[in-house]
């Protein structure tokens, strides 16, 4: 493999390093949701005592937070 050197403006490199540092800081303080906090659409419908189509409607309107797609779609109730 051939190594190639490129010229980069010192200011641009400094900005890039600053952005990377901010991203690393955000990632280090990020919180992950426990898997059990995310429910399938049928599970959420059972808990809320409604039809799964109601859950989908609430997801589409933004009332419920959802992740994934298709059969792997999960809903966060809290």
PDB file of N, CA and C in Angstrom:
ATOM      1  N   UNK A   1       0.839  -1.179   0.000  1.00  0.00           N
ATOM      2  CA  UNK A   1       0.000   0.000   0.000  1.00  0.00           C
ATOM      3  C   UNK A   1       0.881   1.239   0.000  1.00  0.00           C
ATOM      4  N   UNK A   2       0.519   2.193  -0.813  1.00  0.00           N
ATOM      5  CA  UNK A   2       1.284   3.426  -0.926  1.00  0.00           C
ATOM      6  C   UNK A   2       0.731   4.445   0.057  1.00  0.00           C
ATOM      7  N   UNK A   3       1.625   5.047   0.841  1.00  0.00           N
ATOM      8  CA  UNK A   3       1.199   6.100   1.758  1.00  0.00           C
ATOM      9  C   UNK A   3       1.232   7.428   1.034  1.00  0.00           C
ATOM     10  N   UNK A   4       0.250   8.256   1.315  1.00  0.00           N
ATOM     11  CA  UNK A   4       0.150   9.535   0.645  1.00  0.00           C
ATOM     12  C   UNK A   4       0.019  10.629   1.694  1.00  0.00           C
ATOM     13  N   UNK A   5       0.779  11.683   1.522  1.00  0.00           N
ATOM     14  CA  UNK A   5       0.699  12.830   2.421  1.00  0.00           C
ATOM     15  C   UNK A   5      -0.177  13.894   1.784  1.00  0.00           C
ATOM     16  N   UNK A   6      -0.957  14.560   2.612  1.00  0.00           N
ATOM     17  CA  UNK A   6      -1.788  15.651   2.113  1.00  0.00           C
ATOM     18  C   UNK A   6      -1.532  16.897   2.952  1.00  0.00           C
ATOM     19  N   UNK A   7      -1.729  18.041   2.350  1.00  0.00           N
ATOM     20  CA  UNK A   7      -1.567  19.306   3.066  1.00  0.00           C
ATOM     21  C   UNK A   7      -2.931  19.748   3.584  1.00  0.00           C
ATOM     22  N   UNK A   8      -2.964  20.117   4.858  1.00  0.00           N
ATOM     23  CA  UNK A   8      -4.208  20.574   5.477  1.00  0.00           C
ATOM     24  C   UNK A   8      -3.938  21.905   6.163  1.00  0.00           C
ATOM     25  N   UNK A   9      -4.841  22.831   5.964  1.00  0.00           N
ATOM     26  CA  UNK A   9      -4.743  24.130   6.616  1.00  0.00           C
ATOM     27  C   UNK A   9      -4.731  23.929   8.133  1.00  0.00           C
ATOM     28  N   UNK A  10      -3.819  24.598   8.818  1.00  0.00           N
ATOM     29  CA  UNK A  10      -3.677  24.434  10.271  1.00  0.00           C
ATOM     30  C   UNK A  10      -4.962  24.808  11.005  1.00  0.00           C
ATOM     31  N   UNK A  11      -5.646  25.843  10.554  1.00  0.00           N
ATOM     32  CA  UNK A  11      -6.905  26.257  11.189  1.00  0.00           C
ATOM     33  C   UNK A  11      -7.989  25.213  11.022  1.00  0.00           C
ATOM     34  N   UNK A  12      -8.058  24.627   9.819  1.00  0.00           N
ATOM     35  CA  UNK A  12      -9.057  23.590   9.562  1.00  0.00           C
ATOM     36  C   UNK A  12      -8.776  22.360  10.409  1.00  0.00           C
ATOM     37  N   UNK A  13      -7.506  22.021  10.547  1.00  0.00           N
ATOM     38  CA  UNK A  13      -7.133  20.868  11.372  1.00  0.00           C
ATOM     39  C   UNK A  13      -7.475  21.128  12.833  1.00  0.00           C
ATOM     40  N   UNK A  14      -7.223  22.331  13.292  1.00  0.00           N
ATOM     41  CA  UNK A  14      -7.550  22.690  14.672  1.00  0.00           C
ATOM     42  C   UNK A  14      -9.059  22.614  14.910  1.00  0.00           C
ATOM     43  N   UNK A  15      -9.846  23.120  13.955  1.00  0.00           N
ATOM     44  CA  UNK A  15     -11.308  23.042  14.067  1.00  0.00           C
ATOM     45  C   UNK A  15     -11.775  21.594  14.110  1.00  0.00           C
ATOM     46  N   UNK A  16     -11.180  20.764  13.275  1.00  0.00           N
ATOM     47  CA  UNK A  16     -11.544  19.349  13.233  1.00  0.00           C
ATOM     48  C   UNK A  16     -11.226  18.656  14.556  1.00  0.00           C
ATOM     49  N   UNK A  17     -10.087  18.963  15.120  1.00  0.00           N
ATOM     50  CA  UNK A  17      -9.704  18.381  16.412  1.00  0.00           C
ATOM     51  C   UNK A  17     -10.669  18.844  17.502  1.00  0.00           C
ATOM     52  N   UNK A  18     -11.049  20.123  17.474  1.00  0.00           N
ATOM     53  CA  UNK A  18     -12.016  20.639  18.454  1.00  0.00           C
ATOM     54  C   UNK A  18     -13.358  19.921  18.333  1.00  0.00           C
ATOM     55  N   UNK A  19     -13.823  19.746  17.098  1.00  0.00           N
ATOM     56  CA  UNK A  19     -15.097  19.046  16.881  1.00  0.00           C
ATOM     57  C   UNK A  19     -15.017  17.608  17.363  1.00  0.00           C
ATOM     58  N   UNK A  20     -13.916  16.949  17.086  1.00  0.00           N
ATOM     59  CA  UNK A  20     -13.737  15.565  17.523  1.00  0.00           C
ATOM     60  C   UNK A  20     -13.728  15.478  19.049  1.00  0.00           C
ATOM     61  N   UNK A  21     -13.087  16.423  19.692  1.00  0.00           N
ATOM     62  CA  UNK A  21     -13.052  16.456  21.153  1.00  0.00           C
ATOM     63  C   UNK A  21     -14.462  16.619  21.725  1.00  0.00           C
ATOM     64  N   UNK A  22     -15.266  17.501  21.113  1.00  0.00           N
ATOM     65  CA  UNK A  22     -16.647  17.694  21.569  1.00  0.00           C
ATOM     66  C   UNK A  22     -17.474  16.424  21.383  1.00  0.00           C
ATOM     67  N   UNK A  23     -17.291  15.754  20.253  1.00  0.00           N
ATOM     68  CA  UNK A  23     -18.018  14.504  19.997  1.00  0.00           C
ATOM     69  C   UNK A  23     -17.630  13.443  21.014  1.00  0.00           C
ATOM     70  N   UNK A  24     -16.340  13.320  21.289  1.00  0.00           N
ATOM     71  CA  UNK A  24     -15.886  12.344  22.283  1.00  0.00           C
ATOM     72  C   UNK A  24     -16.481  12.647  23.654  1.00  0.00           C
ATOM     73  N   UNK A  25     -16.552  13.932  24.020  1.00  0.00           N
ATOM     74  CA  UNK A  25     -17.123  14.317  25.311  1.00  0.00           C
ATOM     75  C   UNK A  25     -18.608  13.953  25.367  1.00  0.00           C
ATOM     76  N   UNK A  26     -19.346  14.237  24.290  1.00  0.00           N
ATOM     77  CA  UNK A  26     -20.765  13.883  24.240  1.00  0.00           C
ATOM     78  C   UNK A  26     -20.963  12.378  24.353  1.00  0.00           C
ATOM     79  N   UNK A  27     -20.140  11.625  23.655  1.00  0.00           N
ATOM     80  CA  UNK A  27     -20.264  10.167  23.703  1.00  0.00           C
ATOM     81  C   UNK A  27     -19.936   9.617  25.087  1.00  0.00           C
ATOM     82  N   UNK A  28     -18.983  10.237  25.758  1.00  0.00           N
ATOM     83  CA  UNK A  28     -18.598   9.727  27.078  1.00  0.00           C
ATOM     84  C   UNK A  28     -19.680   9.981  28.126  1.00  0.00           C
ATOM     85  N   UNK A  29     -20.532  10.984  27.888  1.00  0.00           N
ATOM     86  CA  UNK A  29     -21.594  11.285  28.856  1.00  0.00           C
ATOM     87  C   UNK A  29     -22.969  10.807  28.385  1.00  0.00           C
ATOM     88  N   UNK A  30     -23.029  10.180  27.221  1.00  0.00           N
ATOM     89  CA  UNK A  30     -24.310   9.709  26.684  1.00  0.00           C
ATOM     90  C   UNK A  30     -24.862   8.578  27.541  1.00  0.00           C
ATOM     91  N   UNK A  31     -26.178   8.563  27.659  1.00  0.00           N
ATOM     92  CA  UNK A  31     -26.842   7.502  28.409  1.00  0.00           C
ATOM     93  C   UNK A  31     -27.569   6.586  27.445  1.00  0.00           C
ATOM     94  N   UNK A  32     -27.435   5.313  27.664  1.00  0.00           N
ATOM     95  CA  UNK A  32     -28.137   4.332  26.851  1.00  0.00           C
ATOM     96  C   UNK A  32     -29.375   3.862  27.590  1.00  0.00           C
ATOM     97  N   UNK A  33     -30.451   3.680  26.850  1.00  0.00           N
ATOM     98  CA  UNK A  33     -31.668   3.139  27.453  1.00  0.00           C
ATOM     99  C   UNK A  33     -31.528   1.635  27.599  1.00  0.00           C
ATOM    100  N   UNK A  34     -31.988   1.143  28.733  1.00  0.00           N
ATOM    101  CA  UNK A  34     -31.982  -0.308  28.909  1.00  0.00           C
ATOM    102  C   UNK A  34     -32.920  -0.923  27.892  1.00  0.00           C
ATOM    103  N   UNK A  35     -32.603  -2.115  27.447  1.00  0.00           N
ATOM    104  CA  UNK A  35     -33.395  -2.797  26.420  1.00  0.00           C
ATOM    105  C   UNK A  35     -34.847  -2.974  26.855  1.00  0.00           C
ATOM    106  N   UNK A  36     -35.079  -3.250  28.138  1.00  0.00           N
ATOM    107  CA  UNK A  36     -36.449  -3.488  28.584  1.00  0.00           C
ATOM    108  C   UNK A  36     -37.298  -2.216  28.599  1.00  0.00           C
ATOM    109  N   UNK A  37     -36.669  -1.049  28.455  1.00  0.00           N
ATOM    110  CA  UNK A  37     -37.424   0.194  28.353  1.00  0.00           C
ATOM    111  C   UNK A  37     -38.110   0.315  26.994  1.00  0.00           C
ATOM    112  N   UNK A  38     -37.659  -0.463  26.030  1.00  0.00           N
ATOM    113  CA  UNK A  38     -38.202  -0.427  24.683  1.00  0.00           C
ATOM    114  C   UNK A  38     -39.073  -1.654  24.481  1.00  0.00           C
ATOM    115  N   UNK A  39     -40.316  -1.440  24.085  1.00  0.00           N
ATOM    116  CA  UNK A  39     -41.284  -2.524  23.938  1.00  0.00           C
ATOM    117  C   UNK A  39     -41.678  -2.691  22.478  1.00  0.00           C
ATOM    118  N   UNK A  40     -42.106  -3.901  22.135  1.00  0.00           N
ATOM    119  CA  UNK A  40     -42.663  -4.108  20.801  1.00  0.00           C
ATOM    120  C   UNK A  40     -44.010  -3.385  20.736  1.00  0.00           C
ATOM    121  N   UNK A  41     -44.509  -3.176  19.540  1.00  0.00           N
ATOM    122  CA  UNK A  41     -45.805  -2.505  19.385  1.00  0.00           C
ATOM    123  C   UNK A  41     -46.921  -3.293  20.071  1.00  0.00           C
ATOM    124  N   UNK A  42     -46.989  -4.630  19.904  1.00  0.00           N
ATOM    125  CA  UNK A  42     -48.032  -5.379  20.627  1.00  0.00           C
ATOM    126  C   UNK A  42     -47.899  -5.285  22.152  1.00  0.00           C
ATOM    127  N   UNK A  43     -46.660  -5.298  22.667  1.00  0.00           N
ATOM    128  CA  UNK A  43     -46.460  -5.170  24.120  1.00  0.00           C
ATOM    129  C   UNK A  43     -46.954  -3.809  24.613  1.00  0.00           C
ATOM    130  N   UNK A  44     -46.609  -2.758  23.878  1.00  0.00           N
ATOM    131  CA  UNK A  44     -47.048  -1.411  24.259  1.00  0.00           C
ATOM    132  C   UNK A  44     -48.573  -1.312  24.211  1.00  0.00           C
ATOM    133  N   UNK A  45     -49.183  -1.934  23.202  1.00  0.00           N
ATOM    134  CA  UNK A  45     -50.650  -1.912  23.083  1.00  0.00           C
ATOM    135  C   UNK A  45     -51.305  -2.620  24.264  1.00  0.00           C
ATOM    136  N   UNK A  46     -50.732  -3.744  24.701  1.00  0.00           N
ATOM    137  CA  UNK A  46     -51.284  -4.458  25.869  1.00  0.00           C
ATOM    138  C   UNK A  46     -51.197  -3.598  27.120  1.00  0.00           C
ATOM    139  N   UNK A  47     -50.060  -2.961  27.322  1.00  0.00           N
ATOM    140  CA  UNK A  47     -49.878  -2.128  28.516  1.00  0.00           C
ATOM    141  C   UNK A  47     -50.838  -0.938  28.504  1.00  0.00           C
ATOM    142  N   UNK A  48     -50.998  -0.318  27.347  1.00  0.00           N
ATOM    143  CA  UNK A  48     -51.868   0.857  27.248  1.00  0.00           C
ATOM    144  C   UNK A  48     -53.330   0.495  26.989  1.00  0.00           C
ATOM    145  N   UNK A  49     -53.597  -0.812  26.880  1.00  0.00           N
ATOM    146  CA  UNK A  49     -54.961  -1.311  26.661  1.00  0.00           C
ATOM    147  C   UNK A  49     -55.603  -0.660  25.432  1.00  0.00           C
ATOM    148  N   UNK A  50     -54.887  -0.786  24.312  1.00  0.00           N
ATOM    149  CA  UNK A  50     -55.401  -0.260  23.052  1.00  0.00           C
ATOM    150  C   UNK A  50     -54.961  -1.174  21.911  1.00  0.00           C
ATOM    151  N   UNK A  51     -55.388  -0.868  20.730  1.00  0.00           N
ATOM    152  CA  UNK A  51     -55.049  -1.653  19.552  1.00  0.00           C
ATOM    153  C   UNK A  51     -53.647  -1.264  19.055  1.00  0.00           C
ATOM    154  N   UNK A  52     -52.892  -2.212  18.488  1.00  0.00           N
ATOM    155  CA  UNK A  52     -51.573  -1.866  17.936  1.00  0.00           C
ATOM    156  C   UNK A  52     -51.622  -0.729  16.909  1.00  0.00           C
ATOM    157  N   UNK A  53     -52.733  -0.620  16.174  1.00  0.00           N
ATOM    158  CA  UNK A  53     -52.836   0.477  15.195  1.00  0.00           C
ATOM    159  C   UNK A  53     -52.830   1.840  15.894  1.00  0.00           C
ATOM    160  N   UNK A  54     -53.357   1.882  17.116  1.00  0.00           N
ATOM    161  CA  UNK A  54     -53.330   3.123  17.898  1.00  0.00           C
ATOM    162  C   UNK A  54     -51.893   3.484  18.255  1.00  0.00           C
ATOM    163  N   UNK A  55     -51.105   2.482  18.612  1.00  0.00           N
ATOM    164  CA  UNK A  55     -49.688   2.709  18.927  1.00  0.00           C
ATOM    165  C   UNK A  55     -48.974   3.253  17.690  1.00  0.00           C
ATOM    166  N   UNK A  56     -49.224   2.633  16.538  1.00  0.00           N
ATOM    167  CA  UNK A  56     -48.587   3.099  15.296  1.00  0.00           C
ATOM    168  C   UNK A  56     -48.991   4.543  14.982  1.00  0.00           C
ATOM    169  N   UNK A  57     -50.249   4.854  15.191  1.00  0.00           N
ATOM    170  CA  UNK A  57     -50.735   6.213  14.952  1.00  0.00           C
ATOM    171  C   UNK A  57     -50.028   7.203  15.884  1.00  0.00           C
ATOM    172  N   UNK A  58     -49.863   6.810  17.155  1.00  0.00           N
ATOM    173  CA  UNK A  58     -49.184   7.683  18.118  1.00  0.00           C
ATOM    174  C   UNK A  58     -47.709   7.863  17.753  1.00  0.00           C
ATOM    175  N   UNK A  59     -47.090   6.817  17.206  1.00  0.00           N
ATOM    176  CA  UNK A  59     -45.699   6.927  16.749  1.00  0.00           C
ATOM    177  C   UNK A  59     -45.627   7.919  15.591  1.00  0.00           C
ATOM    178  N   UNK A  60     -46.528   7.748  14.618  1.00  0.00           N
ATOM    179  CA  UNK A  60     -46.519   8.616  13.435  1.00  0.00           C
ATOM    180  C   UNK A  60     -46.801  10.075  13.771  1.00  0.00           C
ATOM    181  N   UNK A  61     -47.610  10.306  14.810  1.00  0.00           N
ATOM    182  CA  UNK A  61     -47.928  11.687  15.197  1.00  0.00           C
ATOM    183  C   UNK A  61     -46.864  12.289  16.115  1.00  0.00           C
ATOM    184  N   UNK A  62     -45.923  11.449  16.580  1.00  0.00           N
ATOM    185  CA  UNK A  62     -44.866  11.942  17.457  1.00  0.00           C
ATOM    186  C   UNK A  62     -45.199  11.850  18.936  1.00  0.00           C
ATOM    187  N   UNK A  63     -46.364  11.296  19.276  1.00  0.00           N
ATOM    188  CA  UNK A  63     -46.750  11.165  20.688  1.00  0.00           C
ATOM    189  C   UNK A  63     -45.900  10.127  21.410  1.00  0.00           C
ATOM    190  N   UNK A  64     -45.466   9.096  20.676  1.00  0.00           N
ATOM    191  CA  UNK A  64     -44.618   8.057  21.249  1.00  0.00           C
ATOM    192  C   UNK A  64     -43.297   8.010  20.501  1.00  0.00           C
ATOM    193  N   UNK A  65     -42.233   7.761  21.240  1.00  0.00           N
ATOM    194  CA  UNK A  65     -40.905   7.643  20.655  1.00  0.00           C
ATOM    195  C   UNK A  65     -40.705   6.202  20.196  1.00  0.00           C
ATOM    196  N   UNK A  66     -40.201   6.019  18.979  1.00  0.00           N
ATOM    197  CA  UNK A  66     -39.989   4.674  18.448  1.00  0.00           C
ATOM    198  C   UNK A  66     -38.609   4.573  17.816  1.00  0.00           C
ATOM    199  N   UNK A  67     -38.116   3.342  17.754  1.00  0.00           N
ATOM    200  CA  UNK A  67     -36.819   3.070  17.155  1.00  0.00           C
ATOM    201  C   UNK A  67     -36.925   1.804  16.325  1.00  0.00           C
ATOM    202  N   UNK A  68     -36.162   1.726  15.261  1.00  0.00           N
ATOM    203  CA  UNK A  68     -36.173   0.537  14.423  1.00  0.00           C
ATOM    204  C   UNK A  68     -37.288   0.591  13.397  1.00  0.00           C
ATOM    205  N   UNK A  69     -37.441  -0.519  12.678  1.00  0.00           N
ATOM    206  CA  UNK A  69     -38.489  -0.577  11.659  1.00  0.00           C
ATOM    207  C   UNK A  69     -38.990  -2.006  11.522  1.00  0.00           C
ATOM    208  N   UNK A  70     -40.167  -2.134  10.966  1.00  0.00           N
ATOM    209  CA  UNK A  70     -40.736  -3.461  10.747  1.00  0.00           C
ATOM    210  C   UNK A  70     -40.957  -4.215  12.042  1.00  0.00           C
ATOM    211  N   UNK A  71     -40.618  -5.503  12.032  1.00  0.00           N
ATOM    212  CA  UNK A  71     -40.831  -6.343  13.215  1.00  0.00           C
ATOM    213  C   UNK A  71     -39.888  -5.996  14.358  1.00  0.00           C
ATOM    214  N   UNK A  72     -38.811  -5.292  14.065  1.00  0.00           N
ATOM    215  CA  UNK A  72     -37.865  -4.925  15.124  1.00  0.00           C
ATOM    216  C   UNK A  72     -38.168  -3.552  15.719  1.00  0.00           C
ATOM    217  N   UNK A  73     -39.256  -2.925  15.287  1.00  0.00           N
ATOM    218  CA  UNK A  73     -39.610  -1.595  15.796  1.00  0.00           C
ATOM    219  C   UNK A  73     -39.949  -1.673  17.276  1.00  0.00           C
ATOM    220  N   UNK A  74     -39.403  -0.767  18.049  1.00  0.00           N
ATOM    221  CA  UNK A  74     -39.616  -0.725  19.490  1.00  0.00           C
ATOM    222  C   UNK A  74     -40.150   0.646  19.885  1.00  0.00           C
ATOM    223  N   UNK A  75     -40.938   0.654  20.943  1.00  0.00           N
ATOM    224  CA  UNK A  75     -41.600   1.867  21.423  1.00  0.00           C
ATOM    225  C   UNK A  75     -41.145   2.139  22.845  1.00  0.00           C
ATOM    226  N   UNK A  76     -40.935   3.404  23.149  1.00  0.00           N
ATOM    227  CA  UNK A  76     -40.566   3.800  24.510  1.00  0.00           C
ATOM    228  C   UNK A  76     -41.762   4.512  25.126  1.00  0.00           C
ATOM    229  N   UNK A  77     -42.271   3.965  26.217  1.00  0.00           N
ATOM    230  CA  UNK A  77     -43.452   4.543  26.858  1.00  0.00           C
ATOM    231  C   UNK A  77     -43.110   5.635  27.853  1.00  0.00           C
ATOM    232  N   UNK A  78     -41.937   5.597  28.443  1.00  0.00           N
ATOM    233  CA  UNK A  78     -41.600   6.607  29.461  1.00  0.00           C
ATOM    234  C   UNK A  78     -40.862   7.777  28.882  1.00  0.00           C
TER     235      UNK A  78
END
